[in-house]
Amino acid sequence: MKSVGARHTDGQPLDDQGRLARTAAALAPGGLAPAGVYRFTSHEEADRWMLEMIRRSRERRSPKTSPASVAR
């Protein structure tokens, strides 16, 4: 059997997972969608629902820019 490559990991995998979890939490405070189990009749319905949840979560967050910088 021929080996094409090898996976090399530096450090502890759990440390990497922790960094990833902290980054995800910082990017989406409060989460993108409410926790729970949801059932949809189609992938399109699920996509529409997820986009609506993302839109709502972005509306709840405070803007990163000042109102003066938006108007030109």
C-alpha atoms as a PDB file:
ATOM      1  CA  MET A   1       0.000   0.000   0.000  1.00  0.00           C
ATOM      2  CA  LYS A   2       1.316   3.443  -0.891  1.00  0.00           C
ATOM      3  CA  SER A   3       1.095   6.350   1.526  1.00  0.00           C
ATOM      4  CA  VAL A   4       0.553   9.706  -0.183  1.00  0.00           C
ATOM      5  CA  GLY A   5       0.982  11.994   2.788  1.00  0.00           C
ATOM      6  CA  ALA A   6       0.990  12.274   6.516  1.00  0.00           C
ATOM      7  CA  ARG A   7      -0.907  14.510   8.825  1.00  0.00           C
ATOM      8  CA  HIS A   8       1.311  16.471  11.178  1.00  0.00           C
ATOM      9  CA  THR A   9      -0.226  18.230  14.134  1.00  0.00           C
ATOM     10  CA  ASP A  10       1.641  20.671  16.291  1.00  0.00           C
ATOM     11  CA  GLY A  11       0.350  21.116  19.800  1.00  0.00           C
ATOM     12  CA  GLN A  12      -2.799  19.720  21.302  1.00  0.00           C
ATOM     13  CA  PRO A  13      -5.900  19.233  19.117  1.00  0.00           C
ATOM     14  CA  LEU A  14      -8.146  20.349  21.994  1.00  0.00           C
ATOM     15  CA  ASP A  15      -6.309  23.667  22.142  1.00  0.00           C
ATOM     16  CA  ASP A  16      -7.074  24.206  18.455  1.00  0.00           C
ATOM     17  CA  GLN A  17     -10.730  23.307  19.039  1.00  0.00           C
ATOM     18  CA  GLY A  18     -10.893  25.802  21.902  1.00  0.00           C
ATOM     19  CA  ARG A  19      -9.512  28.596  19.726  1.00  0.00           C
ATOM     20  CA  LEU A  20     -12.024  27.755  17.005  1.00  0.00           C
ATOM     21  CA  ALA A  21     -14.918  27.796  19.496  1.00  0.00           C
ATOM     22  CA  ARG A  22     -13.822  31.181  20.910  1.00  0.00           C
ATOM     23  CA  THR A  23     -13.526  32.638  17.413  1.00  0.00           C
ATOM     24  CA  ALA A  24     -16.991  31.381  16.453  1.00  0.00           C
ATOM     25  CA  ALA A  25     -18.479  32.835  19.649  1.00  0.00           C
ATOM     26  CA  ALA A  26     -16.849  36.204  18.975  1.00  0.00           C
ATOM     27  CA  LEU A  27     -18.154  36.294  15.410  1.00  0.00           C
ATOM     28  CA  ALA A  28     -21.729  35.410  16.349  1.00  0.00           C
ATOM     29  CA  PRO A  29     -22.516  36.581  19.893  1.00  0.00           C
ATOM     30  CA  GLY A  30     -25.762  35.016  20.990  1.00  0.00           C
ATOM     31  CA  GLY A  31     -25.596  32.524  18.152  1.00  0.00           C
ATOM     32  CA  LEU A  32     -26.969  32.766  14.660  1.00  0.00           C
ATOM     33  CA  ALA A  33     -30.146  30.822  15.377  1.00  0.00           C
ATOM     34  CA  PRO A  34     -32.056  29.800  18.483  1.00  0.00           C
ATOM     35  CA  ALA A  35     -31.011  26.441  19.889  1.00  0.00           C
ATOM     36  CA  GLY A  36     -33.322  23.528  19.306  1.00  0.00           C
ATOM     37  CA  VAL A  37     -34.451  20.936  16.823  1.00  0.00           C
ATOM     38  CA  TYR A  38     -36.241  22.216  13.748  1.00  0.00           C
ATOM     39  CA  ARG A  39     -38.014  20.233  11.050  1.00  0.00           C
ATOM     40  CA  PHE A  40     -38.469  21.541   7.540  1.00  0.00           C
ATOM     41  CA  THR A  41     -40.289  20.119   4.544  1.00  0.00           C
ATOM     42  CA  SER A  42     -37.491  21.099   2.123  1.00  0.00           C
ATOM     43  CA  HIS A  43     -33.937  22.378   1.991  1.00  0.00           C
ATOM     44  CA  GLU A  44     -35.225  25.612   0.498  1.00  0.00           C
ATOM     45  CA  GLU A  45     -37.478  26.193   3.506  1.00  0.00           C
ATOM     46  CA  ALA A  46     -34.555  25.525   5.858  1.00  0.00           C
ATOM     47  CA  ASP A  47     -32.361  27.943   3.898  1.00  0.00           C
ATOM     48  CA  ARG A  48     -35.003  30.693   4.042  1.00  0.00           C
ATOM     49  CA  TRP A  49     -35.395  30.161   7.789  1.00  0.00           C
ATOM     50  CA  MET A  50     -31.620  30.280   8.401  1.00  0.00           C
ATOM     51  CA  LEU A  51     -31.231  33.469   6.368  1.00  0.00           C
ATOM     52  CA  GLU A  52     -34.038  35.062   8.369  1.00  0.00           C
ATOM     53  CA  MET A  53     -32.363  34.060  11.656  1.00  0.00           C
ATOM     54  CA  ILE A  54     -29.026  35.492  10.477  1.00  0.00           C
ATOM     55  CA  ARG A  55     -30.760  38.725   9.437  1.00  0.00           C
ATOM     56  CA  ARG A  56     -32.420  39.029  12.847  1.00  0.00           C
ATOM     57  CA  SER A  57     -29.200  38.363  14.741  1.00  0.00           C
ATOM     58  CA  ARG A  58     -27.380  41.029  12.698  1.00  0.00           C
ATOM     59  CA  GLU A  59     -30.144  43.543  13.479  1.00  0.00           C
ATOM     60  CA  ARG A  60     -29.751  42.899  17.217  1.00  0.00           C
ATOM     61  CA  ARG A  61     -26.018  43.619  17.164  1.00  0.00           C
ATOM     62  CA  SER A  62     -24.779  47.164  17.493  1.00  0.00           C
ATOM     63  CA  PRO A  63     -23.214  48.573  14.335  1.00  0.00           C
ATOM     64  CA  LYS A  64     -19.428  48.595  14.101  1.00  0.00           C
ATOM     65  CA  THR A  65     -19.336  51.963  12.344  1.00  0.00           C
ATOM     66  CA  SER A  66     -20.580  55.319  13.482  1.00  0.00           C
ATOM     67  CA  PRO A  67     -23.709  56.721  11.778  1.00  0.00           C
ATOM     68  CA  ALA A  68     -21.683  59.693  10.519  1.00  0.00           C
ATOM     69  CA  SER A  69     -19.322  57.487   8.529  1.00  0.00           C
ATOM     70  CA  VAL A  70     -22.186  55.857   6.606  1.00  0.00           C
ATOM     71  CA  ALA A  71     -23.660  59.077   5.180  1.00  0.00           C
ATOM     72  CA  ARG A  72     -21.518  60.699   2.515  1.00  0.00           C
END
